Amino acid sequence: MNDLDRCRKALERELASVEAPEPVLFHPSMAARYREQITKLIAGLNQADQMLGSKEALRDLIDRIVLTPSEDGAGLDIDLYGAIAGLLHLATGVSSATDKKASPDKS
């Protein structure tokens, strides 16, 4: 019992020193804006004359793409940064190292 009590107290001290994460703030019109961008993207992919709109929509959603060799040596891991990363994180529920990064191969 004494060991468990010491362990509990050590865990409580450790938790007290950890900073709480900053809250995620969403603008009220964010969903409508992203819906519009995704609609442009889908329309552009289906029609050649709207390809320019699709490219612009993708550029708005993606800040950068980072390719790194996978740890197991088979292929590359793809890390997306920007609004699309957050959307994928929300849509898939896959947790990532940061809120701005989404990688389906990492949990």
N, C-alpha and C. Protein backbone atom coordinates (compact mmCIF):
# COMPACT_ATOMS: atom_id res chain seq x y z
N MET A 1 0.81 -1.18 0.00
CA MET A 1 0.00 0.00 0.00
C MET A 1 0.87 1.26 0.00
N ASN A 2 1.97 1.19 0.75
CA ASN A 2 2.86 2.34 0.80
C ASN A 2 3.47 2.62 -0.58
N ASP A 3 3.83 1.55 -1.30
CA ASP A 3 4.39 1.72 -2.65
C ASP A 3 3.36 2.35 -3.57
N LEU A 4 2.13 1.90 -3.49
CA LEU A 4 1.07 2.47 -4.32
C LEU A 4 0.83 3.94 -3.99
N ASP A 5 0.88 4.27 -2.71
CA ASP A 5 0.68 5.66 -2.30
C ASP A 5 1.81 6.55 -2.82
N ARG A 6 3.06 6.07 -2.74
CA ARG A 6 4.19 6.83 -3.27
C ARG A 6 4.05 7.00 -4.79
N CYS A 7 3.63 5.97 -5.47
CA CYS A 7 3.43 6.02 -6.92
C CYS A 7 2.34 7.04 -7.27
N ARG A 8 1.24 7.01 -6.51
CA ARG A 8 0.14 7.95 -6.75
C ARG A 8 0.61 9.38 -6.56
N LYS A 9 1.35 9.64 -5.49
CA LYS A 9 1.85 10.99 -5.22
C LYS A 9 2.82 11.44 -6.30
N ALA A 10 3.66 10.54 -6.78
CA ALA A 10 4.60 10.89 -7.86
C ALA A 10 3.84 11.23 -9.14
N LEU A 11 2.80 10.47 -9.43
CA LEU A 11 1.99 10.76 -10.62
C LEU A 11 1.25 12.09 -10.49
N GLU A 12 0.75 12.38 -9.29
CA GLU A 12 0.07 13.66 -9.06
C GLU A 12 1.03 14.83 -9.24
N ARG A 13 2.28 14.70 -8.77
CA ARG A 13 3.28 15.76 -8.96
C ARG A 13 3.59 15.93 -10.45
N GLU A 14 3.71 14.83 -11.15
CA GLU A 14 4.00 14.89 -12.58
C GLU A 14 2.86 15.56 -13.34
N LEU A 15 1.62 15.20 -13.01
CA LEU A 15 0.47 15.81 -13.67
C LEU A 15 0.36 17.30 -13.35
N ALA A 16 0.73 17.69 -12.16
CA ALA A 16 0.66 19.10 -11.77
C ALA A 16 1.65 19.95 -12.57
N SER A 17 2.76 19.35 -13.00
CA SER A 17 3.77 20.11 -13.73
C SER A 17 3.51 20.17 -15.24
N VAL A 18 2.57 19.38 -15.73
CA VAL A 18 2.25 19.37 -17.16
C VAL A 18 1.30 20.51 -17.48
N GLU A 19 1.66 21.28 -18.52
CA GLU A 19 0.81 22.39 -18.92
C GLU A 19 -0.40 21.88 -19.69
N ALA A 20 -1.53 22.51 -19.47
CA ALA A 20 -2.75 22.15 -20.20
C ALA A 20 -2.61 22.61 -21.65
N PRO A 21 -3.09 21.82 -22.61
CA PRO A 21 -3.00 22.24 -24.01
C PRO A 21 -3.89 23.45 -24.26
N GLU A 22 -3.47 24.26 -25.24
CA GLU A 22 -4.28 25.43 -25.58
C GLU A 22 -5.56 24.97 -26.26
N PRO A 23 -6.67 25.66 -25.99
CA PRO A 23 -7.92 25.24 -26.62
C PRO A 23 -7.89 25.50 -28.12
N VAL A 24 -8.59 24.66 -28.85
CA VAL A 24 -8.71 24.82 -30.29
C VAL A 24 -9.89 25.75 -30.55
N LEU A 25 -9.63 26.83 -31.27
CA LEU A 25 -10.67 27.81 -31.54
C LEU A 25 -11.11 27.70 -32.99
N PHE A 26 -12.40 27.68 -33.21
CA PHE A 26 -12.97 27.59 -34.55
C PHE A 26 -13.76 28.85 -34.84
N HIS A 27 -13.55 29.38 -36.02
CA HIS A 27 -14.35 30.52 -36.45
C HIS A 27 -15.74 30.00 -36.83
N PRO A 28 -16.81 30.73 -36.52
CA PRO A 28 -18.17 30.24 -36.80
C PRO A 28 -18.43 29.91 -38.27
N SER A 29 -17.74 30.58 -39.19
CA SER A 29 -18.00 30.32 -40.60
C SER A 29 -16.97 29.38 -41.23
N MET A 30 -16.14 28.75 -40.41
CA MET A 30 -15.10 27.88 -40.92
C MET A 30 -15.66 26.71 -41.73
N ALA A 31 -16.68 26.08 -41.24
CA ALA A 31 -17.24 24.92 -41.94
C ALA A 31 -17.77 25.30 -43.31
N ALA A 32 -18.43 26.44 -43.41
CA ALA A 32 -18.97 26.88 -44.71
C ALA A 32 -17.83 27.19 -45.68
N ARG A 33 -16.75 27.81 -45.18
CA ARG A 33 -15.62 28.13 -46.05
C ARG A 33 -14.96 26.87 -46.58
N TYR A 34 -14.71 25.89 -45.72
CA TYR A 34 -14.09 24.65 -46.17
C TYR A 34 -15.01 23.86 -47.08
N ARG A 35 -16.30 23.89 -46.81
CA ARG A 35 -17.26 23.22 -47.68
C ARG A 35 -17.18 23.81 -49.08
N GLU A 36 -17.08 25.13 -49.15
CA GLU A 36 -16.96 25.81 -50.45
C GLU A 36 -15.67 25.40 -51.17
N GLN A 37 -14.57 25.34 -50.43
CA GLN A 37 -13.29 24.96 -51.03
C GLN A 37 -13.32 23.51 -51.53
N ILE A 38 -13.88 22.62 -50.74
CA ILE A 38 -13.95 21.21 -51.15
C ILE A 38 -14.89 21.05 -52.34
N THR A 39 -15.97 21.82 -52.39
CA THR A 39 -16.89 21.78 -53.53
C THR A 39 -16.17 22.22 -54.80
N LYS A 40 -15.36 23.29 -54.71
CA LYS A 40 -14.57 23.74 -55.85
C LYS A 40 -13.59 22.66 -56.29
N LEU A 41 -12.98 22.04 -55.32
CA LEU A 41 -12.00 21.00 -55.61
C LEU A 41 -12.65 19.83 -56.34
N ILE A 42 -13.77 19.36 -55.85
CA ILE A 42 -14.46 18.22 -56.47
C ILE A 42 -14.93 18.59 -57.87
N ALA A 43 -15.51 19.78 -58.02
CA ALA A 43 -15.99 20.22 -59.33
C ALA A 43 -14.83 20.32 -60.32
N GLY A 44 -13.71 20.83 -59.87
CA GLY A 44 -12.55 20.97 -60.75
C GLY A 44 -11.95 19.65 -61.15
N LEU A 45 -12.02 18.69 -60.28
CA LEU A 45 -11.49 17.37 -60.62
C LEU A 45 -12.37 16.66 -61.64
N ASN A 46 -13.64 17.01 -61.68
CA ASN A 46 -14.57 16.37 -62.61
C ASN A 46 -14.66 17.09 -63.96
N GLN A 47 -14.22 18.34 -64.02
CA GLN A 47 -14.35 19.11 -65.26
C GLN A 47 -13.02 19.79 -65.58
N ALA A 48 -12.53 19.55 -66.77
CA ALA A 48 -11.23 20.09 -67.17
C ALA A 48 -11.21 21.61 -67.17
N ASP A 49 -12.33 22.26 -67.51
CA ASP A 49 -12.34 23.72 -67.58
C ASP A 49 -12.30 24.38 -66.20
N GLN A 50 -12.48 23.62 -65.13
CA GLN A 50 -12.43 24.17 -63.77
C GLN A 50 -11.17 23.74 -63.01
N MET A 51 -10.18 23.23 -63.72
CA MET A 51 -8.96 22.73 -63.09
C MET A 51 -8.23 23.85 -62.33
N LEU A 52 -8.26 25.07 -62.85
CA LEU A 52 -7.59 26.19 -62.18
C LEU A 52 -8.19 26.42 -60.79
N GLY A 53 -9.52 26.35 -60.67
CA GLY A 53 -10.18 26.51 -59.38
C GLY A 53 -9.78 25.42 -58.40
N SER A 54 -9.59 24.20 -58.90
CA SER A 54 -9.16 23.08 -58.04
C SER A 54 -7.76 23.31 -57.52
N LYS A 55 -6.88 23.79 -58.38
CA LYS A 55 -5.51 24.05 -57.95
C LYS A 55 -5.49 25.12 -56.85
N GLU A 56 -6.29 26.16 -57.02
CA GLU A 56 -6.35 27.22 -56.02
C GLU A 56 -6.93 26.69 -54.70
N ALA A 57 -7.94 25.86 -54.79
CA ALA A 57 -8.54 25.28 -53.58
C ALA A 57 -7.53 24.42 -52.83
N LEU A 58 -6.75 23.62 -53.56
CA LEU A 58 -5.73 22.80 -52.92
C LEU A 58 -4.64 23.65 -52.28
N ARG A 59 -4.23 24.70 -52.95
CA ARG A 59 -3.20 25.59 -52.39
C ARG A 59 -3.68 26.26 -51.11
N ASP A 60 -4.97 26.55 -51.04
CA ASP A 60 -5.52 27.16 -49.82
C ASP A 60 -5.56 26.17 -48.66
N LEU A 61 -5.71 24.89 -48.95
CA LEU A 61 -5.86 23.88 -47.90
C LEU A 61 -4.53 23.31 -47.41
N ILE A 62 -3.49 23.33 -48.25
CA ILE A 62 -2.22 22.69 -47.92
C ILE A 62 -1.13 23.74 -47.81
N ASP A 63 -0.49 23.81 -46.62
CA ASP A 63 0.66 24.70 -46.45
C ASP A 63 1.93 24.05 -46.98
N ARG A 64 2.13 22.78 -46.59
CA ARG A 64 3.30 22.06 -47.09
C ARG A 64 3.10 20.56 -46.91
N ILE A 65 3.86 19.80 -47.66
CA ILE A 65 3.86 18.34 -47.60
C ILE A 65 5.29 17.91 -47.32
N VAL A 66 5.47 17.07 -46.31
CA VAL A 66 6.80 16.59 -45.96
C VAL A 66 6.83 15.07 -46.14
N LEU A 67 7.77 14.59 -46.95
CA LEU A 67 7.96 13.16 -47.16
C LEU A 67 9.21 12.73 -46.41
N THR A 68 9.07 11.71 -45.57
CA THR A 68 10.22 11.18 -44.84
C THR A 68 10.24 9.67 -45.00
N PRO A 69 11.43 9.08 -45.06
CA PRO A 69 11.50 7.62 -45.14
C PRO A 69 10.83 7.00 -43.91
N SER A 70 10.02 5.96 -44.14
CA SER A 70 9.33 5.32 -43.02
C SER A 70 10.33 4.59 -42.14
N GLU A 71 9.96 4.42 -40.88
CA GLU A 71 10.86 3.79 -39.92
C GLU A 71 11.17 2.34 -40.28
N ASP A 72 10.21 1.65 -40.90
CA ASP A 72 10.44 0.26 -41.26
C ASP A 72 11.18 0.11 -42.59
N GLY A 73 11.49 1.25 -43.24
CA GLY A 73 12.26 1.22 -44.47
C GLY A 73 11.44 0.92 -45.72
N ALA A 74 10.13 0.78 -45.58
CA ALA A 74 9.28 0.46 -46.73
C ALA A 74 8.50 1.70 -47.13
N GLY A 75 9.02 2.48 -48.07
CA GLY A 75 8.28 3.62 -48.58
C GLY A 75 8.50 4.89 -47.79
N LEU A 76 7.56 5.81 -47.95
CA LEU A 76 7.66 7.13 -47.33
C LEU A 76 6.44 7.40 -46.46
N ASP A 77 6.65 8.16 -45.39
CA ASP A 77 5.55 8.69 -44.59
C ASP A 77 5.24 10.08 -45.12
N ILE A 78 3.96 10.40 -45.26
CA ILE A 78 3.54 11.69 -45.76
C ILE A 78 2.92 12.47 -44.61
N ASP A 79 3.47 13.64 -44.34
CA ASP A 79 2.94 14.54 -43.32
C ASP A 79 2.38 15.77 -44.01
N LEU A 80 1.10 16.06 -43.77
CA LEU A 80 0.45 17.22 -44.35
C LEU A 80 0.34 18.31 -43.29
N TYR A 81 0.62 19.54 -43.69
CA TYR A 81 0.51 20.68 -42.80
C TYR A 81 -0.46 21.68 -43.41
N GLY A 82 -1.29 22.27 -42.60
CA GLY A 82 -2.25 23.25 -43.07
C GLY A 82 -3.66 22.85 -42.71
N ALA A 83 -4.61 23.51 -43.34
CA ALA A 83 -6.02 23.28 -43.03
C ALA A 83 -6.45 21.86 -43.36
N ILE A 84 -5.92 21.29 -44.42
CA ILE A 84 -6.34 19.94 -44.80
C ILE A 84 -5.92 18.91 -43.74
N ALA A 85 -4.79 19.16 -43.08
CA ALA A 85 -4.35 18.26 -42.01
C ALA A 85 -5.36 18.25 -40.88
N GLY A 86 -5.84 19.43 -40.51
CA GLY A 86 -6.85 19.51 -39.46
C GLY A 86 -8.15 18.84 -39.86
N LEU A 87 -8.54 19.03 -41.12
CA LEU A 87 -9.76 18.39 -41.61
C LEU A 87 -9.64 16.87 -41.58
N LEU A 88 -8.50 16.36 -42.03
CA LEU A 88 -8.28 14.91 -42.01
C LEU A 88 -8.25 14.38 -40.58
N HIS A 89 -7.65 15.16 -39.69
CA HIS A 89 -7.60 14.75 -38.28
C HIS A 89 -9.01 14.65 -37.70
N LEU A 90 -9.84 15.65 -37.99
CA LEU A 90 -11.21 15.63 -37.50
C LEU A 90 -12.03 14.52 -38.15
N ALA A 91 -11.83 14.31 -39.45
CA ALA A 91 -12.63 13.32 -40.18
C ALA A 91 -12.27 11.89 -39.81
N THR A 92 -10.98 11.62 -39.58
CA THR A 92 -10.55 10.25 -39.34
C THR A 92 -10.40 9.92 -37.87
N GLY A 93 -10.22 10.94 -37.04
CA GLY A 93 -10.02 10.70 -35.62
C GLY A 93 -8.63 10.18 -35.30
N VAL A 94 -7.73 10.20 -36.29
CA VAL A 94 -6.36 9.73 -36.07
C VAL A 94 -5.60 10.77 -35.29
N SER A 95 -5.04 10.38 -34.16
CA SER A 95 -4.27 11.35 -33.38
C SER A 95 -2.89 11.47 -34.00
N SER A 96 -2.33 12.67 -33.91
CA SER A 96 -1.02 12.92 -34.48
C SER A 96 -0.15 13.63 -33.47
N ALA A 97 1.12 13.81 -33.83
CA ALA A 97 2.06 14.44 -32.90
C ALA A 97 1.67 15.87 -32.58
N THR A 98 1.12 16.57 -33.56
CA THR A 98 0.65 17.93 -33.32
C THR A 98 -0.71 18.09 -33.97
N ASP A 99 -1.42 19.15 -33.60
CA ASP A 99 -2.73 19.38 -34.20
C ASP A 99 -2.63 19.83 -35.65
N LYS A 100 -1.48 20.27 -36.08
CA LYS A 100 -1.33 20.77 -37.43
C LYS A 100 -0.80 19.71 -38.38
N LYS A 101 -0.64 18.51 -37.90
CA LYS A 101 -0.04 17.45 -38.70
C LYS A 101 -0.98 16.26 -38.71
N ALA A 102 -1.20 15.69 -39.87
CA ALA A 102 -2.02 14.49 -39.98
C ALA A 102 -1.32 13.49 -40.86
N SER A 103 -1.17 12.31 -40.38
CA SER A 103 -0.53 11.25 -41.16
C SER A 103 -1.30 9.97 -40.88
N PRO A 104 -1.98 9.40 -41.89
CA PRO A 104 -2.79 8.22 -41.65
C PRO A 104 -2.01 7.00 -41.19
N ASP A 105 -0.68 6.96 -41.44
CA ASP A 105 0.10 5.81 -41.05
C ASP A 105 0.57 5.87 -39.62
N LYS A 106 0.45 7.05 -38.99
CA LYS A 106 0.92 7.20 -37.62
C LYS A 106 -0.27 7.31 -36.69
N SER A 107 -0.20 6.71 -35.52
CA SER A 107 -1.28 6.79 -34.53
C SER A 107 -0.80 7.47 -33.29
